[in-house]
Protein backbone atom coordinates (compact mmCIF):
# COMPACT_ATOMS: atom_id res chain seq x y z
CA MET A 1 44.74 -123.82 50.04
CA ALA A 2 42.58 -120.74 49.47
CA VAL A 3 44.14 -117.28 49.01
CA GLY A 4 43.39 -114.99 52.03
CA LYS A 5 41.16 -111.76 51.72
CA ARG A 6 43.91 -109.65 52.78
CA LEU A 7 46.42 -110.83 50.13
CA ARG A 8 43.59 -110.89 47.39
CA PHE A 9 42.91 -107.20 48.36
CA GLU A 10 46.77 -106.30 48.11
CA VAL A 11 46.95 -107.86 44.64
CA PHE A 12 43.80 -106.03 43.39
CA LYS A 13 45.28 -102.69 44.84
CA ARG A 14 48.57 -103.42 43.11
CA ASP A 15 46.89 -104.03 39.77
CA GLY A 16 44.63 -100.85 40.14
CA PHE A 17 41.31 -103.10 40.68
CA CYS A 18 41.54 -103.75 36.93
CA CYS A 19 41.74 -107.05 34.91
CA GLN A 20 45.32 -107.27 33.66
CA TYR A 21 44.09 -109.14 30.52
CA CYS A 22 41.28 -106.98 29.20
CA GLY A 23 41.30 -103.74 31.31
CA ARG A 24 37.84 -103.89 32.45
CA ARG A 25 36.76 -102.89 35.92
CA PRO A 26 33.98 -103.28 38.44
CA PRO A 27 31.12 -102.86 38.55
CA ASP A 28 31.33 -104.05 34.86
CA VAL A 29 33.06 -107.33 35.88
CA VAL A 30 33.65 -109.33 38.91
CA LEU A 31 37.46 -109.47 39.61
CA GLU A 32 39.21 -112.67 40.73
CA LEU A 33 42.86 -113.80 41.37
CA ASP A 34 44.62 -115.77 38.72
CA HIS A 35 47.75 -117.81 39.15
CA ILE A 36 50.39 -116.88 36.57
CA ASP A 37 51.82 -120.33 36.90
CA PRO A 38 48.70 -122.54 37.61
CA ARG A 39 48.42 -124.53 40.76
CA VAL A 40 48.07 -127.68 38.87
CA SER A 41 51.58 -126.98 37.41
CA GLY A 42 52.97 -126.37 40.82
CA GLY A 43 52.39 -122.46 40.99
CA SER A 44 52.45 -121.10 44.43
CA ASP A 45 50.02 -118.55 46.22
CA ASP A 46 52.70 -116.08 46.48
CA GLU A 47 51.83 -112.50 45.66
CA LEU A 48 54.35 -112.46 42.71
CA ASN A 49 52.48 -115.38 41.09
CA LEU A 50 49.07 -113.71 41.46
CA ILE A 51 47.41 -111.47 39.08
CA THR A 52 44.03 -109.57 38.84
CA SER A 53 41.75 -111.00 36.32
CA CYS A 54 37.96 -110.77 35.62
CA PHE A 55 35.66 -113.72 35.61
CA ASP A 56 35.65 -114.14 31.81
CA CYS A 57 39.31 -113.79 31.25
CA ASN A 58 40.17 -116.21 34.23
CA ARG A 59 37.90 -118.89 32.64
CA GLY A 60 39.33 -118.15 29.24
CA LYS A 61 42.93 -118.70 30.42
CA ALA A 62 41.96 -121.69 32.51
CA ASP A 63 45.07 -123.55 33.53
CA LYS A 64 47.33 -122.27 30.76
CA LYS A 65 50.63 -120.49 31.79
CA LEU A 66 50.62 -116.65 31.34
CA GLY A 67 52.96 -116.78 28.47
CA ASP A 68 50.36 -118.63 26.43
CA VAL A 69 47.93 -115.61 26.82
CA HIS A 70 48.24 -111.97 25.96
CA PRO A 71 48.12 -109.67 29.07
CA ARG A 72 46.69 -106.09 29.00
CA PRO A 73 49.30 -103.79 27.44
CA ASP A 74 51.53 -101.94 29.94
CA ALA A 75 49.85 -98.58 31.15
CA ASP A 76 53.12 -96.66 31.14
CA LEU A 77 53.87 -97.73 27.42
CA LYS A 78 50.33 -96.74 26.62
CA TYR A 79 50.72 -93.37 28.32
CA LEU A 80 54.13 -92.80 26.58
CA GLU A 81 52.47 -93.84 23.10
CA CYS A 82 49.60 -91.28 23.82
CA GLN A 83 52.10 -88.52 24.77
CA GLN A 84 54.02 -89.26 21.51
CA GLU A 85 50.85 -88.82 19.55
CA ILE A 86 49.91 -85.66 21.31
CA ALA A 87 53.39 -84.31 20.69
CA GLU A 88 53.26 -85.23 16.86
CA ALA A 89 49.61 -83.77 16.63
CA GLY A 90 50.98 -80.52 18.16
CA ARG A 91 53.93 -80.31 15.83
CA TYR A 92 51.67 -80.94 12.79
CA LEU A 93 49.10 -78.20 13.92
CA GLU A 94 52.00 -75.64 14.71
CA VAL A 95 53.64 -76.34 11.08
CA SER A 96 50.03 -76.21 9.56
CA LEU A 97 49.32 -72.98 11.15
CA LYS A 98 52.71 -71.49 9.96
CA LEU A 99 51.92 -72.86 6.34
CA SER A 100 48.49 -71.27 6.40
CA GLU A 101 50.07 -67.90 7.50
CA ALA A 102 52.74 -68.18 4.85
CA ARG A 103 50.29 -68.97 2.13
CA ALA A 104 48.07 -65.86 3.30
CA LEU A 105 51.19 -63.73 2.99
CA ILE A 106 51.95 -65.13 -0.45
CA ARG A 107 48.36 -64.57 -1.60
CA GLN A 108 48.58 -61.00 -0.50
CA ARG A 109 51.87 -60.58 -2.24
CA LEU A 110 50.56 -62.04 -5.46
CA THR A 111 47.35 -59.96 -5.23
CA ASN A 112 49.51 -56.83 -4.79
CA VAL A 113 51.33 -57.77 -8.03
CA TRP A 114 48.16 -58.55 -9.91
CA ARG A 115 46.81 -55.01 -8.74
CA GLU A 116 50.03 -53.32 -9.84
CA PHE A 117 50.27 -54.94 -13.39
CA ILE A 118 46.72 -55.91 -14.53
CA SER A 119 43.61 -54.53 -12.48
CA GLU A 120 43.17 -52.78 -9.16
CA THR A 121 39.43 -53.61 -9.20
CA TYR A 122 39.23 -57.22 -10.36
CA VAL A 123 41.63 -59.77 -8.77
CA PRO A 124 41.64 -63.61 -8.57
CA THR A 125 39.72 -64.98 -5.56
CA ASP A 126 41.21 -66.74 -2.57
CA SER A 127 40.19 -70.04 -4.06
CA GLN A 128 41.79 -69.22 -7.46
CA TRP A 129 45.01 -68.28 -5.57
CA ASN A 130 44.89 -71.41 -3.62
CA HIS A 131 44.27 -73.61 -6.73
CA TRP A 132 47.41 -72.13 -8.30
CA LEU A 133 49.52 -72.30 -5.17
CA HIS A 134 48.56 -76.01 -4.81
CA ARG A 135 49.96 -76.75 -8.19
CA PHE A 136 52.67 -74.07 -8.97
CA GLY A 137 55.26 -72.03 -6.99
CA PRO A 138 54.79 -68.39 -6.21
CA ASP A 139 57.65 -67.48 -8.46
CA GLU A 140 55.86 -69.33 -11.42
CA ILE A 141 52.68 -67.62 -10.64
CA GLU A 142 54.14 -64.23 -10.53
CA TRP A 143 56.13 -64.80 -13.82
CA SER A 144 52.77 -65.71 -15.50
CA ILE A 145 51.08 -62.61 -13.95
CA ARG A 146 53.74 -60.37 -15.38
CA SER A 147 53.71 -62.25 -18.84
CA THR A 148 49.80 -61.82 -18.80
CA ALA A 149 50.10 -58.10 -18.07
CA LEU A 150 51.98 -57.63 -21.25
CA LYS A 151 48.97 -58.81 -23.29
CA PHE A 152 46.45 -57.34 -21.03
CA ASN A 153 47.96 -53.87 -21.16
CA ALA A 154 48.26 -54.03 -24.97
CA GLY A 155 44.55 -54.56 -25.35
CA GLY A 156 44.84 -58.29 -26.06
CA PHE A 157 41.51 -59.24 -24.30
CA ASN A 158 38.14 -58.24 -25.38
CA GLY A 159 35.08 -57.02 -23.51
CA GLY A 160 34.67 -54.87 -20.39
CA GLU A 161 37.26 -54.77 -17.55
CA GLN A 162 35.82 -57.67 -15.66
CA THR A 163 35.41 -59.82 -18.68
CA GLN A 164 39.10 -58.84 -19.66
CA VAL A 165 40.20 -59.76 -16.14
CA GLU A 166 38.51 -63.21 -16.27
CA SER A 167 40.09 -63.75 -19.66
CA ALA A 168 43.40 -62.72 -18.08
CA ILE A 169 43.05 -65.26 -15.24
CA ARG A 170 42.41 -68.16 -17.72
CA TYR A 171 45.36 -66.89 -19.82
CA ALA A 172 47.63 -66.80 -16.80
CA SER A 173 46.60 -70.39 -15.96
CA GLY A 174 47.29 -71.45 -19.44
CA ILE A 175 50.97 -69.99 -19.26
CA MET A 176 51.41 -71.73 -15.96
CA TYR A 177 50.39 -75.27 -17.13
CA ASN A 178 52.18 -74.75 -20.59
CA ARG A 179 55.39 -73.62 -18.85
CA ARG A 180 55.27 -76.59 -16.51
CA LYS A 181 54.80 -79.03 -19.45
CA GLU A 182 57.84 -77.55 -21.28
CA LEU A 183 59.85 -77.87 -18.21
CA GLU A 184 58.80 -81.54 -17.67
CA SER A 185 59.43 -82.35 -21.32
CA LYS A 186 63.01 -80.86 -21.10
CA GLU A 187 63.66 -82.90 -17.95
CA GLN A 188 62.58 -86.08 -19.54
CA ALA A 189 64.73 -85.39 -22.62
CA SER A 190 67.57 -84.63 -20.35
CA GLU A 191 67.19 -87.94 -18.49
CA VAL A 192 67.04 -89.83 -21.67
CA CYS A 193 70.21 -88.37 -23.01
CA GLU A 194 72.00 -89.08 -19.67
CA GLN A 195 71.34 -92.87 -19.89
CA PRO A 196 74.26 -94.92 -21.35
CA CYS A 197 73.68 -96.08 -24.90
CA GLY A 198 74.54 -99.49 -26.46
CA THR A 199 74.14 -101.59 -23.41
């Protein structure tokens, strides 16, 4: 017995005029009704046993039971997943903005320290500050600036002021890297000493 037009329309309307297997809609596809439990297996024409399917999906499913095929994901679940992704992206952007603002304040603070101890005129570029901040903590950078200032103010670098400052930047970088290596070596030595002997 064929399914009536009224019931067909009600099922299409219930399913949002959308194939429940692939999600396609008219006019890209022709919609049909599919029996969840196939007629050949005793499935009825009851509305609860009917689902909207496109021509291709209906032919692909054939007379298999719905449990043997993968229906289109639940729209509410997809909506919630999208909302979750939006919320996570928003939190990331908020934290990223705060981080950028904090780094800008740190760069300004370190620039002020540089101007106070080394040179009012020539200071490291934002790119140089970012390079240091990517690898070292602000306290390590400030400590290296103050250490560099001792040599700089004692005339330890040759050339004009700009050349001296360029040398001071390289010297400060060297201090940071060498100090980091020393700390790592001490940590490794400490770890070796803490391991039990004679096992």
